[in-house]
Amino acid sequence: MGRTGPHGLDDGLLHSWYVDEAITDAPGGGTRNDDLYLINTTGSWDLRPDAATAVPNLFLAADYVRTYSNVDFTSMETANEAGRRAAAAVLVAAGATEAPAVRTFKGYEAPEFAAAKAEDRTRWQRGLPHVLDSRRRAPGRGATPTSPQLTT
């Protein structure tokens, strides 16, 4: 708000607004965000909801929604793709067969990486670190599927 002209909105149109409590004035000017950033964990993609839900008139569009564009982390790109998928689902639910299709993106798996991915999966299943992980962990200390210990 606070702008006028062809790309601004008149303050009289404002119903309400909200700024997250974690957004504060930064020392020296500007703003800062004290919220922690979401970092995905192994397997979290499988737990995400799709844009179209089992509720006929409920559609989701956000960076946490499952998308299929090979981006498995929260970003403006995943939020945009989720919005496109939600818009497409709204058109389907409304029976808008004459409406132009909403362009969505499909992920691409480069076949050149198949062997490396298979090796990585095998190492993970055996509790071994990634081939590029140079950190050494003491046996029995903190070994998990995401931080495996070395076996000798």
Foldseek 3Di string as FASTA:
>chain_A
DPDDDPPDDDPVPDPDDDDDPQWAADVPGDIDGPDDADDDDPPLLVVAAAQCDPPLPHGDAAQRHRAAAPDDGGDPVSSVLSVLRNVQSVCVSVVVPVDDRRDHHHYDDDPVCVVVVVVQVVCLVVQHDRPPDPDADDPPPPRDSVRGHDDD
